[in-house]
């Protein structure tokens, strides 16, 4: 099996997931980590490092399973380190306001 044909394995060691991400070519998944997957309610959220038309980006995806198929509910693409640091800083400014 060639490298480009090998399935990408979830980087989250706590998730035993044999299911492939519902991302189709031409997008190439390089790495991903499941944040949360709830099969009984049909929700799956991941952070993905991908390549789309030769450009790398990170995306937060959330899918909902309907009628046996995963359908994208949310997608947040992050295309640069600068954009990531702006988002990260905003989250860090607000995270202490969440209930424990």
Protein backbone atom coordinates (compact mmCIF):
# COMPACT_ATOMS: atom_id res chain seq x y z
CA UNK A 1 0.00 0.00 0.00
CA UNK A 2 1.45 3.39 -0.98
CA UNK A 3 1.71 6.22 1.55
CA UNK A 4 -1.07 8.30 -0.06
CA UNK A 5 -3.41 5.30 0.16
CA UNK A 6 -2.85 4.58 3.86
CA UNK A 7 -5.69 5.61 6.13
CA UNK A 8 -4.87 8.44 8.51
CA UNK A 9 -5.17 7.30 12.13
CA UNK A 10 -6.81 9.43 14.83
CA UNK A 11 -4.15 11.14 17.00
CA UNK A 12 -6.43 10.92 20.05
CA UNK A 13 -5.29 7.78 21.92
CA UNK A 14 -8.52 7.72 23.94
CA UNK A 15 -10.66 7.26 20.84
CA UNK A 16 -10.89 3.83 19.28
CA UNK A 17 -12.28 4.87 15.96
CA UNK A 18 -12.20 2.73 12.84
CA UNK A 19 -14.49 5.06 10.94
CA UNK A 20 -12.93 7.24 8.25
CA UNK A 21 -13.43 10.97 8.36
CA UNK A 22 -16.22 12.11 6.05
CA UNK A 23 -13.85 14.34 4.06
CA UNK A 24 -13.59 13.67 0.34
CA UNK A 25 -10.94 14.44 -2.31
CA UNK A 26 -9.50 16.71 -3.44
CA UNK A 27 -9.03 17.52 0.25
CA UNK A 28 -6.19 15.42 1.68
CA UNK A 29 -6.27 14.68 5.42
CA UNK A 30 -2.72 14.78 6.84
CA UNK A 31 -3.52 14.38 10.56
CA UNK A 32 -6.56 14.65 12.77
CA UNK A 33 -7.63 14.40 16.38
CA UNK A 34 -11.11 13.65 17.58
CA UNK A 35 -12.23 16.11 20.21
CA UNK A 36 -15.53 14.36 20.93
CA UNK A 37 -17.53 11.61 19.29
CA UNK A 38 -20.92 10.53 20.53
CA UNK A 39 -22.31 7.72 18.42
CA UNK A 40 -25.57 7.47 20.35
CA UNK A 41 -26.49 11.11 19.58
CA UNK A 42 -24.63 11.21 16.27
CA UNK A 43 -22.15 14.05 16.83
CA UNK A 44 -18.44 14.02 15.92
CA UNK A 45 -16.01 16.93 16.27
CA UNK A 46 -12.36 16.94 15.16
CA UNK A 47 -9.41 19.18 14.44
CA UNK A 48 -7.87 18.32 11.08
CA UNK A 49 -4.58 19.28 9.46
CA UNK A 50 -5.33 19.07 5.75
CA UNK A 51 -4.18 20.04 2.32
CA UNK A 52 -6.65 21.59 -0.09
CA UNK A 53 -5.47 22.42 -3.61
CA UNK A 54 -1.84 22.36 -2.44
CA UNK A 55 -2.36 24.64 0.57
CA UNK A 56 -2.27 23.48 4.18
CA UNK A 57 -4.78 24.59 6.76
CA UNK A 58 -6.24 23.48 10.06
CA UNK A 59 -9.98 23.09 10.38
CA UNK A 60 -12.36 22.42 13.19
CA UNK A 61 -15.16 20.22 11.85
CA UNK A 62 -18.37 19.04 13.47
CA UNK A 63 -20.60 16.49 11.82
CA UNK A 64 -24.05 15.19 12.68
CA UNK A 65 -25.13 11.71 11.63
CA UNK A 66 -28.49 11.72 9.87
CA UNK A 67 -30.04 8.69 8.22
CA UNK A 68 -26.76 6.81 8.62
CA UNK A 69 -24.62 9.48 6.92
CA UNK A 70 -22.32 12.07 8.44
CA UNK A 71 -23.29 15.58 7.34
CA UNK A 72 -21.15 18.60 8.06
CA UNK A 73 -22.69 20.90 10.65
CA UNK A 74 -19.77 23.30 11.22
CA UNK A 75 -16.39 24.07 9.68
CA UNK A 76 -13.89 26.64 10.93
CA UNK A 77 -10.84 26.89 8.65
CA UNK A 78 -7.62 28.43 9.98
CA UNK A 79 -5.25 29.32 7.19
CA UNK A 80 -2.32 30.95 9.00
CA UNK A 81 -0.47 30.99 12.30
CA UNK A 82 -1.43 34.65 12.74
CA UNK A 83 -5.13 33.80 12.38
CA UNK A 84 -4.75 30.92 14.87
CA UNK A 85 -3.03 33.13 17.47
CA UNK A 86 -5.81 35.74 17.18
CA UNK A 87 -8.47 33.06 17.74
CA UNK A 88 -6.49 31.44 20.58
CA UNK A 89 -5.99 34.79 22.34
CA UNK A 90 -9.72 35.57 22.13
CA UNK A 91 -10.63 32.16 23.61
CA UNK A 92 -8.07 32.55 26.39
CA UNK A 93 -9.50 35.98 27.27
CA UNK A 94 -12.95 34.46 27.79
CA UNK A 95 -12.29 30.95 29.11
CA UNK A 96 -12.14 32.04 32.76
CA UNK A 97 -15.75 33.25 32.46
CA UNK A 98 -17.01 29.69 31.94
CA UNK A 99 -18.48 27.75 34.81
CA UNK A 100 -16.22 25.03 36.18
